[in-house]
Each structure stands twice: as structure tokens, then as C-alpha cells.
C-alpha atoms as a PDB file:
ATOM      1  CA  MET A   1     -10.891 -14.869 -10.872  1.00  0.00           C
ATOM      2  CA  LYS A   2     -13.137 -12.533  -8.894  1.00  0.00           C
ATOM      3  CA  GLY A   3     -11.261  -9.240  -9.057  1.00  0.00           C
ATOM      4  CA  GLN A   4      -7.917  -7.550  -8.663  1.00  0.00           C
ATOM      5  CA  ILE A   5      -7.161  -6.100  -5.243  1.00  0.00           C
ATOM      6  CA  LEU A   6      -4.163  -3.855  -4.614  1.00  0.00           C
ATOM      7  CA  PHE A   7      -2.797  -3.645  -1.075  1.00  0.00           C
ATOM      8  CA  ALA A   8      -0.840  -0.468  -0.316  1.00  0.00           C
ATOM      9  CA  PRO A   9       0.407  -0.502   3.274  1.00  0.00           C
ATOM     10  CA  ALA A  10       2.937   1.700   4.992  1.00  0.00           C
ATOM     11  CA  SER A  11       5.354  -0.904   3.719  1.00  0.00           C
ATOM     12  CA  THR A  12       8.401  -0.021   5.807  1.00  0.00           C
ATOM     13  CA  VAL A  13       6.526  -0.895   9.021  1.00  0.00           C
ATOM     14  CA  LEU A  14       6.114  -4.610   9.746  1.00  0.00           C
ATOM     15  CA  ALA A  15       2.744  -4.277  11.513  1.00  0.00           C
ATOM     16  CA  HIS A  16       1.095  -2.521   8.559  1.00  0.00           C
ATOM     17  CA  ALA A  17       2.700  -4.709   5.902  1.00  0.00           C
ATOM     18  CA  GLY A  18       2.101  -7.907   7.883  1.00  0.00           C
ATOM     19  CA  ARG A  19      -1.617  -7.482   8.411  1.00  0.00           C
ATOM     20  CA  CYS A  20      -2.049  -6.656   4.730  1.00  0.00           C
ATOM     21  CA  LEU A  21      -0.216  -9.871   3.874  1.00  0.00           C
ATOM     22  CA  MET A  22      -2.548 -11.967   6.052  1.00  0.00           C
ATOM     23  CA  ILE A  23      -5.678 -10.485   4.470  1.00  0.00           C
ATOM     24  CA  ALA A  24      -4.160 -10.684   0.978  1.00  0.00           C
ATOM     25  CA  ARG A  25      -3.468 -14.405   1.399  1.00  0.00           C
ATOM     26  CA  GLU A  26      -7.048 -15.052   2.469  1.00  0.00           C
ATOM     27  CA  LEU A  27      -8.473 -13.071  -0.443  1.00  0.00           C
ATOM     28  CA  ASP A  28      -6.166 -14.972  -2.808  1.00  0.00           C
ATOM     29  CA  ARG A  29      -7.474 -18.227  -1.326  1.00  0.00           C
ATOM     30  CA  ARG A  30     -11.007 -17.009  -2.090  1.00  0.00           C
ATOM     31  CA  GLY A  31     -10.181 -16.441  -5.754  1.00  0.00           C
ATOM     32  CA  HIS A  32      -9.110 -12.816  -6.002  1.00  0.00           C
ATOM     33  CA  HIS A  33      -5.947 -11.684  -7.782  1.00  0.00           C
ATOM     34  CA  VAL A  34      -3.881  -9.865  -5.163  1.00  0.00           C
ATOM     35  CA  LEU A  35      -1.058  -7.350  -5.570  1.00  0.00           C
ATOM     36  CA  LEU A  36       1.129  -5.915  -2.808  1.00  0.00           C
ATOM     37  CA  ALA A  37       2.584  -2.476  -3.539  1.00  0.00           C
ATOM     38  CA  GLY A  38       5.273  -0.668  -1.606  1.00  0.00           C
ATOM     39  CA  ALA A  39       8.921  -0.722  -0.633  1.00  0.00           C
ATOM     40  CA  ALA A  40      10.768  -3.992  -1.086  1.00  0.00           C
ATOM     41  CA  ARG A  41      11.830  -4.282   2.572  1.00  0.00           C
ATOM     42  CA  PHE A  42       9.145  -6.842   3.516  1.00  0.00           C
ATOM     43  CA  LEU A  43       6.846  -7.176   0.534  1.00  0.00           C
ATOM     44  CA  ARG A  44       9.249  -8.451  -2.126  1.00  0.00           C
ATOM     45  CA  GLU A  45      10.450 -11.394  -0.031  1.00  0.00           C
ATOM     46  CA  TRP A  46       6.906 -12.379   0.893  1.00  0.00           C
ATOM     47  CA  THR A  47       5.781 -12.424  -2.723  1.00  0.00           C
ATOM     48  CA  LEU A  48       8.834 -14.484  -3.695  1.00  0.00           C
ATOM     49  CA  GLN A  49       7.800 -17.028  -1.054  1.00  0.00           C
ATOM     50  CA  ASP A  50       4.176 -17.013  -2.246  1.00  0.00           C
ATOM     51  CA  PRO A  51       4.190 -16.577  -6.044  1.00  0.00           C
ATOM     52  CA  ARG A  52       0.378 -16.308  -6.213  1.00  0.00           C
ATOM     53  CA  LEU A  53       0.770 -12.806  -4.779  1.00  0.00           C
ATOM     54  CA  GLY A  54       2.008 -10.093  -7.097  1.00  0.00           C
ATOM     55  CA  TYR A  55       4.472  -7.383  -6.091  1.00  0.00           C
ATOM     56  CA  LEU A  56       4.778  -3.858  -7.450  1.00  0.00           C
ATOM     57  CA  GLU A  57       7.538  -1.607  -6.173  1.00  0.00           C
ATOM     58  CA  LEU A  58       6.413   1.771  -4.909  1.00  0.00           C
ATOM     59  CA  PRO A  59       8.499   4.323  -2.982  1.00  0.00           C
ATOM     60  CA  ASP A  60       7.592   4.675   0.681  1.00  0.00           C
ATOM     61  CA  ILE A  61       8.515   6.992   3.493  1.00  0.00           C
ATOM     62  CA  PRO A  62      11.323   5.687   5.731  1.00  0.00           C
ATOM     63  CA  ALA A  63       9.949   4.267   8.997  1.00  0.00           C
ATOM     64  CA  GLY A  64      11.876   6.772  11.130  1.00  0.00           C
ATOM     65  CA  GLU A  65      10.485   9.757   9.219  1.00  0.00           C
ATOM     66  CA  GLY A  66       6.962   8.390   9.590  1.00  0.00           C
ATOM     67  CA  LEU A  67       7.419   8.169  13.352  1.00  0.00           C
ATOM     68  CA  ARG A  68       8.682  11.760  13.491  1.00  0.00           C
ATOM     69  CA  ILE A  69       5.592  12.966  11.628  1.00  0.00           C
ATOM     70  CA  LEU A  70       3.286  11.000  13.931  1.00  0.00           C
ATOM     71  CA  ARG A  71       4.940  12.388  17.057  1.00  0.00           C
ATOM     72  CA  SER A  72       4.337  15.981  16.027  1.00  0.00           C
ATOM     73  CA  LEU A  73       0.943  17.132  14.852  1.00  0.00           C
ATOM     74  CA  TRP A  74       2.593  20.193  13.321  1.00  0.00           C
ATOM     75  CA  LYS A  75       5.206  18.413  11.203  1.00  0.00           C
ATOM     76  CA  ARG A  76       4.190  18.021   7.591  1.00  0.00           C
ATOM     77  CA  PRO A  77       5.940  15.745   5.137  1.00  0.00           C
ATOM     78  CA  ASN A  78       8.074  17.375   2.486  1.00  0.00           C
ATOM     79  CA  GLU A  79       5.852  18.665  -0.330  1.00  0.00           C
ATOM     80  CA  ARG A  80       8.170  17.307  -3.042  1.00  0.00           C
ATOM     81  CA  TRP A  81       8.002  13.907  -1.382  1.00  0.00           C
ATOM     82  CA  LEU A  82       4.180  14.047  -1.343  1.00  0.00           C
ATOM     83  CA  HIS A  83       4.000  14.961  -5.037  1.00  0.00           C
ATOM     84  CA  ALA A  84       6.483  12.221  -5.959  1.00  0.00           C
ATOM     85  CA  HIS A  85       4.487   9.595  -4.068  1.00  0.00           C
ATOM     86  CA  VAL A  86       1.160  10.596  -5.587  1.00  0.00           C
ATOM     87  CA  ARG A  87       2.714  10.647  -9.067  1.00  0.00           C
ATOM     88  CA  ALA A  88       4.212   7.160  -8.552  1.00  0.00           C
ATOM     89  CA  GLU A  89       0.912   5.855  -7.189  1.00  0.00           C
ATOM     90  CA  LEU A  90      -1.097   7.240 -10.102  1.00  0.00           C
ATOM     91  CA  GLU A  91       1.289   5.566 -12.558  1.00  0.00           C
ATOM     92  CA  LEU A  92       1.031   2.290 -10.642  1.00  0.00           C
ATOM     93  CA  LEU A  93      -2.776   2.447 -10.564  1.00  0.00           C
ATOM     94  CA  ASP A  94      -2.838   3.093 -14.305  1.00  0.00           C
ATOM     95  CA  ARG A  95      -0.639   0.019 -14.916  1.00  0.00           C
ATOM     96  CA  ALA A  96      -2.271  -2.350 -12.412  1.00  0.00           C
ATOM     97  CA  ARG A  97      -5.893  -1.244 -12.925  1.00  0.00           C
ATOM     98  CA  PRO A  98      -7.159  -2.706  -9.627  1.00  0.00           C
ATOM     99  CA  ASP A  99     -10.838  -3.073  -8.825  1.00  0.00           C
ATOM    100  CA  LEU A 100     -10.192  -2.134  -5.202  1.00  0.00           C
ATOM    101  CA  VAL A 101      -7.354  -0.572  -3.200  1.00  0.00           C
ATOM    102  CA  VAL A 102      -6.763  -1.587   0.419  1.00  0.00           C
ATOM    103  CA  VAL A 103      -4.761   1.035   2.305  1.00  0.00           C
ATOM    104  CA  ASP A 104      -3.049   0.550   5.648  1.00  0.00           C
ATOM    105  CA  PHE A 105      -1.659   3.924   6.684  1.00  0.00           C
ATOM    106  CA  ARG A 106      -0.289   4.890   3.278  1.00  0.00           C
ATOM    107  CA  LEU A 107      -1.961   8.271   3.374  1.00  0.00           C
ATOM    108  CA  THR A 108      -1.134   9.477  -0.135  1.00  0.00           C
ATOM    109  CA  MET A 109      -2.915   6.477  -1.675  1.00  0.00           C
ATOM    110  CA  PHE A 110      -6.240   7.925  -0.511  1.00  0.00           C
ATOM    111  CA  ILE A 111      -5.620  10.849  -2.855  1.00  0.00           C
ATOM    112  CA  SER A 112      -4.387   8.695  -5.731  1.00  0.00           C
ATOM    113  CA  ALA A 113      -7.192   6.137  -5.612  1.00  0.00           C
ATOM    114  CA  ARG A 114      -9.826   8.861  -5.424  1.00  0.00           C
ATOM    115  CA  VAL A 115      -8.318  10.678  -8.399  1.00  0.00           C
ATOM    116  CA  ARG A 116      -8.594   7.409 -10.376  1.00  0.00           C
ATOM    117  CA  ARG A 117     -12.076   6.702  -8.947  1.00  0.00           C
ATOM    118  CA  ILE A 118     -11.043   3.348  -7.507  1.00  0.00           C
ATOM    119  CA  PRO A 119     -12.878   2.206  -4.362  1.00  0.00           C
ATOM    120  CA  ILE A 120     -10.767   2.295  -1.193  1.00  0.00           C
ATOM    121  CA  VAL A 121     -10.847   0.193   1.960  1.00  0.00           C
ATOM    122  CA  SER A 122      -8.853   1.442   4.926  1.00  0.00           C
ATOM    123  CA  LEU A 123      -7.432  -0.872   7.563  1.00  0.00           C
ATOM    124  CA  LEU A 124      -7.367   0.868  10.907  1.00  0.00           C
ATOM    125  CA  GLY A 125      -5.904  -0.508  14.070  1.00  0.00           C
ATOM    126  CA  GLY A 126      -4.520   0.630  17.326  1.00  0.00           C
ATOM    127  CA  ARG A 127      -3.818  -0.388  20.830  1.00  0.00           C
END
């Protein structure tokens, strides 16, 4: 086994979760241990279908709220929500102990991974 890679997408949005799944499957094929972390909406079912991939539940922002934040540069997420997500991510990182975190628009994970000094890769995409 080469290393443990944790994928943390914006897991309530199919595009973000789906591209993480495709990359995770390829990295698994190449010998890495892969974990998908986020809301169960998409990720849990995918890991049940492919048992080589691990799943760790992590709270995520509802898709509609994420769209509202994106549509307004001045809207900030609820501070309690931000603290709760970072706290949950830090606990998850302590349990999973990944060698690398791959983030796809899960913005709080940048904070959490840096606090734990875990290297981060960011997937960026657009139209």
C-alpha cells in the first residue's frame, strides 16, 4: 500500500463528489488506500458498491445553502456552522491519519488540514 488519501469534496453536490470518486478509484487501482469523507447522500452508496473505498461520514453544508453563498459575495456562512465543521474535520483527520487530503470545494478542510500539517491538493474546475 502506497499511502492513505482522504477525499473531502463538497459532498452534497454531484459534480464535486463525482469527480473525486473517479480520481479515488484510479488511485485505489494504483495501490493507494482511499477514503471518501462527507455527507452520505452520494458517497455512502458509492463506497458500498466499491468496498475497496472507505467512507467516513462528515457533516456538509446543504447544496441550496452553498449556492446562496456563492451567489452573494457578501454572504458568509454561519460562524457556528464553520466551527462545527472544522471541529468535525479535525476529529476525522486525527482518526484517519491520511498522508494527503484532496479537497474539492470543501473550504473548511483547507483550515483543518493545515492545522494538522497534512498536505492538501485542491481540485478546481469550472466552465
